[in-house]
Amino acid sequence: MKIELKEEVFELINFIDLTLNEQKMVLVWRNHESVKKWMHDSQNITTKNHLKFIASLKMSKTKEYMVVKKNTDYIGVVDFTDINFAKKSADIGLYANPIDKIKGAGSMLLEVGLKYAFEVLKLKTLNLEVFIDNERAIGLYRKFNFKDSGKKVADGKSIICMKFRNEEE
């Protein structure tokens, strides 16, 4: 799937369509210290469990995980979980390629994710959770007009819940 933003074309590759090498690349990213420290489950993921997870996505109607690519650069991952088409809502998550460190990757991922959510999935509301000490991510989400919608604690970590409501029609 192609998404165009500001005359730039991004390719979204569903995890279920990734080559084996791309699947392994994503596993390296996900297990990278700079990525996993911001995840609810910060344990290393085995290759077996990673491939099993990707296979499980083939049957899921409530989850979509995609690698975002621009030209030959792999930017990162954007995902949608708890997709509810009746309520037109989902949770969004993202992480940038920690190996190549592409400038502006977070903004690109979020912008592509928002466009996909609202124009392709036809959602109205996106929710996310971010650790309270992940200041860069919080700043990015606020820049894109995500609003604080609550706080909670999970596994001893303080989390800010945020929401974006698409008012355009």
C-alpha atoms as a PDB file:
ATOM      1  CA  MET A   1       0.000   0.000   0.000  1.00  0.00           C
ATOM      2  CA  LYS A   2       1.288   3.456  -0.904  1.00  0.00           C
ATOM      3  CA  ILE A   3       0.608   6.621   1.102  1.00  0.00           C
ATOM      4  CA  GLU A   4       1.530  10.042  -0.253  1.00  0.00           C
ATOM      5  CA  LEU A   5       2.502  12.897   2.063  1.00  0.00           C
ATOM      6  CA  LYS A   6       3.868  16.242   0.936  1.00  0.00           C
ATOM      7  CA  GLU A   7       4.830  14.842  -2.474  1.00  0.00           C
ATOM      8  CA  GLU A   8       6.707  11.960  -0.839  1.00  0.00           C
ATOM      9  CA  VAL A   9       5.548   8.386  -1.284  1.00  0.00           C
ATOM     10  CA  PHE A  10       5.686   5.912   1.576  1.00  0.00           C
ATOM     11  CA  GLU A  11       5.132   2.199   1.272  1.00  0.00           C
ATOM     12  CA  LEU A  12       3.331   0.349   4.057  1.00  0.00           C
ATOM     13  CA  ILE A  13       4.138  -3.347   4.142  1.00  0.00           C
ATOM     14  CA  ASN A  14       1.860  -5.452   6.292  1.00  0.00           C
ATOM     15  CA  PHE A  15       3.830  -7.767   8.606  1.00  0.00           C
ATOM     16  CA  ILE A  16       2.090 -10.758   6.995  1.00  0.00           C
ATOM     17  CA  ASP A  17       3.577  -9.727   3.625  1.00  0.00           C
ATOM     18  CA  LEU A  18       7.155  -9.219   4.832  1.00  0.00           C
ATOM     19  CA  THR A  19       9.953 -11.352   3.441  1.00  0.00           C
ATOM     20  CA  LEU A  20      11.758 -13.554   5.948  1.00  0.00           C
ATOM     21  CA  ASN A  21      14.700 -11.107   5.923  1.00  0.00           C
ATOM     22  CA  GLU A  22      12.325  -8.198   6.643  1.00  0.00           C
ATOM     23  CA  GLN A  23      10.704 -10.177   9.463  1.00  0.00           C
ATOM     24  CA  LYS A  24      14.143 -10.764  10.977  1.00  0.00           C
ATOM     25  CA  MET A  25      14.998  -7.067  10.540  1.00  0.00           C
ATOM     26  CA  VAL A  26      11.870  -6.078  12.503  1.00  0.00           C
ATOM     27  CA  LEU A  27      12.797  -8.552  15.254  1.00  0.00           C
ATOM     28  CA  VAL A  28      16.242  -6.932  15.560  1.00  0.00           C
ATOM     29  CA  TRP A  29      14.561  -3.523  15.846  1.00  0.00           C
ATOM     30  CA  ARG A  30      12.033  -4.709  18.427  1.00  0.00           C
ATOM     31  CA  ASN A  31      14.760  -6.304  20.571  1.00  0.00           C
ATOM     32  CA  HIS A  32      16.997  -3.221  20.299  1.00  0.00           C
ATOM     33  CA  GLU A  33      17.524  -1.597  23.703  1.00  0.00           C
ATOM     34  CA  SER A  34      16.315   1.837  22.500  1.00  0.00           C
ATOM     35  CA  VAL A  35      12.994   0.318  21.357  1.00  0.00           C
ATOM     36  CA  LYS A  36      12.181  -2.349  23.927  1.00  0.00           C
ATOM     37  CA  LYS A  37      12.724  -0.029  26.898  1.00  0.00           C
ATOM     38  CA  TRP A  38       9.547   1.842  25.863  1.00  0.00           C
ATOM     39  CA  MET A  39       7.412  -1.305  25.491  1.00  0.00           C
ATOM     40  CA  HIS A  40       5.066  -2.803  28.082  1.00  0.00           C
ATOM     41  CA  ASP A  41       6.913  -6.087  27.581  1.00  0.00           C
ATOM     42  CA  SER A  42      10.602  -5.204  27.459  1.00  0.00           C
ATOM     43  CA  GLN A  43      11.816  -8.813  27.298  1.00  0.00           C
ATOM     44  CA  ASN A  44      13.738 -10.053  24.274  1.00  0.00           C
ATOM     45  CA  ILE A  45      11.469 -11.792  21.776  1.00  0.00           C
ATOM     46  CA  THR A  46      12.656 -15.088  20.321  1.00  0.00           C
ATOM     47  CA  THR A  47      12.623 -15.690  16.570  1.00  0.00           C
ATOM     48  CA  LYS A  48      10.112 -18.494  17.084  1.00  0.00           C
ATOM     49  CA  ASN A  49       7.702 -16.255  19.039  1.00  0.00           C
ATOM     50  CA  HIS A  50       8.142 -13.399  16.566  1.00  0.00           C
ATOM     51  CA  LEU A  51       7.287 -15.601  13.579  1.00  0.00           C
ATOM     52  CA  LYS A  52       4.354 -17.096  15.508  1.00  0.00           C
ATOM     53  CA  PHE A  53       3.072 -13.577  16.274  1.00  0.00           C
ATOM     54  CA  ILE A  54       3.297 -12.578  12.598  1.00  0.00           C
ATOM     55  CA  ALA A  55       1.441 -15.753  11.581  1.00  0.00           C
ATOM     56  CA  SER A  56      -1.302 -14.942  14.130  1.00  0.00           C
ATOM     57  CA  LEU A  57      -1.885 -11.584  12.428  1.00  0.00           C
ATOM     58  CA  LYS A  58      -3.220 -13.364   9.330  1.00  0.00           C
ATOM     59  CA  MET A  59      -6.362 -14.292  11.272  1.00  0.00           C
ATOM     60  CA  SER A  60      -6.746 -11.034  13.207  1.00  0.00           C
ATOM     61  CA  LYS A  61      -9.446  -8.506  12.396  1.00  0.00           C
ATOM     62  CA  THR A  62      -8.399  -6.201  15.250  1.00  0.00           C
ATOM     63  CA  LYS A  63      -4.650  -5.776  14.631  1.00  0.00           C
ATOM     64  CA  GLU A  64      -2.508  -4.453  11.796  1.00  0.00           C
ATOM     65  CA  TYR A  65       1.258  -4.088  11.991  1.00  0.00           C
ATOM     66  CA  MET A  66       3.162  -2.446   9.146  1.00  0.00           C
ATOM     67  CA  VAL A  67       6.694  -1.573   8.211  1.00  0.00           C
ATOM     68  CA  VAL A  68       6.945   1.905   6.701  1.00  0.00           C
ATOM     69  CA  LYS A  69       9.426   2.354   3.884  1.00  0.00           C
ATOM     70  CA  LYS A  70      10.432   5.431   1.881  1.00  0.00           C
ATOM     71  CA  ASN A  71      12.384   4.656  -1.279  1.00  0.00           C
ATOM     72  CA  THR A  72      14.948   2.120  -0.052  1.00  0.00           C
ATOM     73  CA  ASP A  73      14.886   3.317   3.576  1.00  0.00           C
ATOM     74  CA  TYR A  74      13.039   1.334   6.211  1.00  0.00           C
ATOM     75  CA  ILE A  75      11.668   4.074   8.503  1.00  0.00           C
ATOM     76  CA  GLY A  76      10.081   1.959  11.225  1.00  0.00           C
ATOM     77  CA  VAL A  77       6.851   0.288  12.325  1.00  0.00           C
ATOM     78  CA  VAL A  78       3.342   1.625  12.828  1.00  0.00           C
ATOM     79  CA  ASP A  79       0.678  -0.598  14.329  1.00  0.00           C
ATOM     80  CA  PHE A  80      -3.004  -0.544  15.096  1.00  0.00           C
ATOM     81  CA  THR A  81      -4.458  -2.751  17.805  1.00  0.00           C
ATOM     82  CA  ASP A  82      -7.888  -3.059  19.349  1.00  0.00           C
ATOM     83  CA  ILE A  83      -9.355  -1.922  16.017  1.00  0.00           C
ATOM     84  CA  ASN A  84     -13.092  -1.444  16.454  1.00  0.00           C
ATOM     85  CA  PHE A  85     -14.808  -0.616  13.175  1.00  0.00           C
ATOM     86  CA  ALA A  86     -18.206  -0.160  14.877  1.00  0.00           C
ATOM     87  CA  LYS A  87     -16.786   2.523  17.190  1.00  0.00           C
ATOM     88  CA  LYS A  88     -14.327   3.697  14.491  1.00  0.00           C
ATOM     89  CA  SER A  89     -11.446   3.552  16.966  1.00  0.00           C
ATOM     90  CA  ALA A  90      -8.110   1.839  17.524  1.00  0.00           C
ATOM     91  CA  ASP A  91      -4.917   2.053  19.524  1.00  0.00           C
ATOM     92  CA  ILE A  92      -1.871   3.245  17.590  1.00  0.00           C
ATOM     93  CA  GLY A  93       1.755   2.470  18.291  1.00  0.00           C
ATOM     94  CA  LEU A  94       4.992   3.128  16.488  1.00  0.00           C
ATOM     95  CA  TYR A  95       8.725   2.782  16.700  1.00  0.00           C
ATOM     96  CA  ALA A  96      11.501   4.020  14.473  1.00  0.00           C
ATOM     97  CA  ASN A  97      14.238   1.935  12.905  1.00  0.00           C
ATOM     98  CA  PRO A  98      16.885   2.076  15.683  1.00  0.00           C
ATOM     99  CA  ILE A  99      19.720   0.920  13.418  1.00  0.00           C
ATOM    100  CA  ASP A 100      19.669   3.520  10.632  1.00  0.00           C
ATOM    101  CA  LYS A 101      18.309   6.397  12.783  1.00  0.00           C
ATOM    102  CA  ILE A 102      16.524   8.332  10.032  1.00  0.00           C
ATOM    103  CA  LYS A 103      16.008  12.008  10.856  1.00  0.00           C
ATOM    104  CA  GLY A 104      12.339  12.819  11.426  1.00  0.00           C
ATOM    105  CA  ALA A 105      11.347   9.144  11.508  1.00  0.00           C
ATOM    106  CA  GLY A 106       8.856   9.593  14.363  1.00  0.00           C
ATOM    107  CA  SER A 107       6.997  12.386  12.569  1.00  0.00           C
ATOM    108  CA  MET A 108       6.956  10.425   9.309  1.00  0.00           C
ATOM    109  CA  LEU A 109       5.613   7.310  11.034  1.00  0.00           C
ATOM    110  CA  LEU A 110       2.927   9.210  12.904  1.00  0.00           C
ATOM    111  CA  GLU A 111       1.845  11.185   9.849  1.00  0.00           C
ATOM    112  CA  VAL A 112       1.644   8.042   7.708  1.00  0.00           C
ATOM    113  CA  GLY A 113      -0.191   6.257  10.522  1.00  0.00           C
ATOM    114  CA  LEU A 114      -2.770   9.027  10.890  1.00  0.00           C
ATOM    115  CA  LYS A 115      -3.420   9.141   7.158  1.00  0.00           C
ATOM    116  CA  TYR A 116      -3.792   5.344   6.990  1.00  0.00           C
ATOM    117  CA  ALA A 117      -6.089   5.268  10.033  1.00  0.00           C
ATOM    118  CA  PHE A 118      -8.436   7.967   8.791  1.00  0.00           C
ATOM    119  CA  GLU A 119      -8.379   7.473   5.022  1.00  0.00           C
ATOM    120  CA  VAL A 120      -7.956   3.697   4.690  1.00  0.00           C
ATOM    121  CA  LEU A 121      -9.353   2.222   7.917  1.00  0.00           C
ATOM    122  CA  LYS A 122     -11.940   5.066   8.141  1.00  0.00           C
ATOM    123  CA  LEU A 123     -11.424   5.481  11.876  1.00  0.00           C
ATOM    124  CA  LYS A 124     -12.361   8.560  13.895  1.00  0.00           C
ATOM    125  CA  THR A 125     -10.429   8.088  17.153  1.00  0.00           C
ATOM    126  CA  LEU A 126      -6.918   6.881  17.911  1.00  0.00           C
ATOM    127  CA  ASN A 127      -5.700   6.110  21.411  1.00  0.00           C
ATOM    128  CA  LEU A 128      -2.187   5.528  22.646  1.00  0.00           C
ATOM    129  CA  GLU A 129      -0.222   4.974  25.813  1.00  0.00           C
ATOM    130  CA  VAL A 130       3.215   6.379  26.479  1.00  0.00           C
ATOM    131  CA  PHE A 131       5.504   6.078  29.480  1.00  0.00           C
ATOM    132  CA  ILE A 132       5.561   9.351  31.403  1.00  0.00           C
ATOM    133  CA  ASP A 133       9.361   9.553  31.100  1.00  0.00           C
ATOM    134  CA  ASN A 134       9.338   9.174  27.280  1.00  0.00           C
ATOM    135  CA  GLU A 135       9.475  12.927  26.788  1.00  0.00           C
ATOM    136  CA  ARG A 136      10.427  12.801  23.090  1.00  0.00           C
ATOM    137  CA  ALA A 137       7.404  10.680  22.231  1.00  0.00           C
ATOM    138  CA  ILE A 138       5.056  12.792  24.355  1.00  0.00           C
ATOM    139  CA  GLY A 139       6.330  15.922  22.590  1.00  0.00           C
ATOM    140  CA  LEU A 140       5.778  14.303  19.196  1.00  0.00           C
ATOM    141  CA  TYR A 141       2.233  13.230  20.030  1.00  0.00           C
ATOM    142  CA  ARG A 142       1.333  16.670  21.390  1.00  0.00           C
ATOM    143  CA  LYS A 143       2.805  18.287  18.253  1.00  0.00           C
ATOM    144  CA  PHE A 144       0.317  16.184  16.271  1.00  0.00           C
ATOM    145  CA  ASN A 145      -2.550  17.288  18.571  1.00  0.00           C
ATOM    146  CA  PHE A 146      -2.963  14.167  20.652  1.00  0.00           C
ATOM    147  CA  LYS A 147      -4.610  15.188  23.927  1.00  0.00           C
ATOM    148  CA  ASP A 148      -4.029  13.708  27.358  1.00  0.00           C
ATOM    149  CA  SER A 149      -6.994  11.507  28.280  1.00  0.00           C
ATOM    150  CA  GLY A 150      -5.827   9.923  31.501  1.00  0.00           C
ATOM    151  CA  LYS A 151      -3.037   8.335  33.492  1.00  0.00           C
ATOM    152  CA  LYS A 152      -2.430   4.851  34.807  1.00  0.00           C
ATOM    153  CA  VAL A 153       0.262   2.630  36.238  1.00  0.00           C
ATOM    154  CA  ALA A 154       1.204  -0.693  34.651  1.00  0.00           C
ATOM    155  CA  ASP A 155       4.023  -2.930  35.858  1.00  0.00           C
ATOM    156  CA  GLY A 156       5.101  -0.146  38.209  1.00  0.00           C
ATOM    157  CA  LYS A 157       5.492   2.362  35.362  1.00  0.00           C
ATOM    158  CA  SER A 158       3.496   5.584  35.052  1.00  0.00           C
ATOM    159  CA  ILE A 159       1.710   5.929  31.734  1.00  0.00           C
ATOM    160  CA  ILE A 160      -0.032   8.822  30.027  1.00  0.00           C
ATOM    161  CA  CYS A 161      -3.053   7.890  27.909  1.00  0.00           C
ATOM    162  CA  MET A 162      -3.604  10.118  24.891  1.00  0.00           C
ATOM    163  CA  LYS A 163      -6.320  10.467  22.270  1.00  0.00           C
ATOM    164  CA  PHE A 164      -6.648  11.943  18.790  1.00  0.00           C
ATOM    165  CA  ARG A 165     -10.091  12.570  17.332  1.00  0.00           C
ATOM    166  CA  ASN A 166     -10.390  13.189  13.608  1.00  0.00           C
ATOM    167  CA  GLU A 167     -13.059  15.837  13.136  1.00  0.00           C
ATOM    168  CA  GLU A 168     -12.653  16.089   9.356  1.00  0.00           C
ATOM    169  CA  GLU A 169     -15.212  14.605   7.017  1.00  0.00           C
END
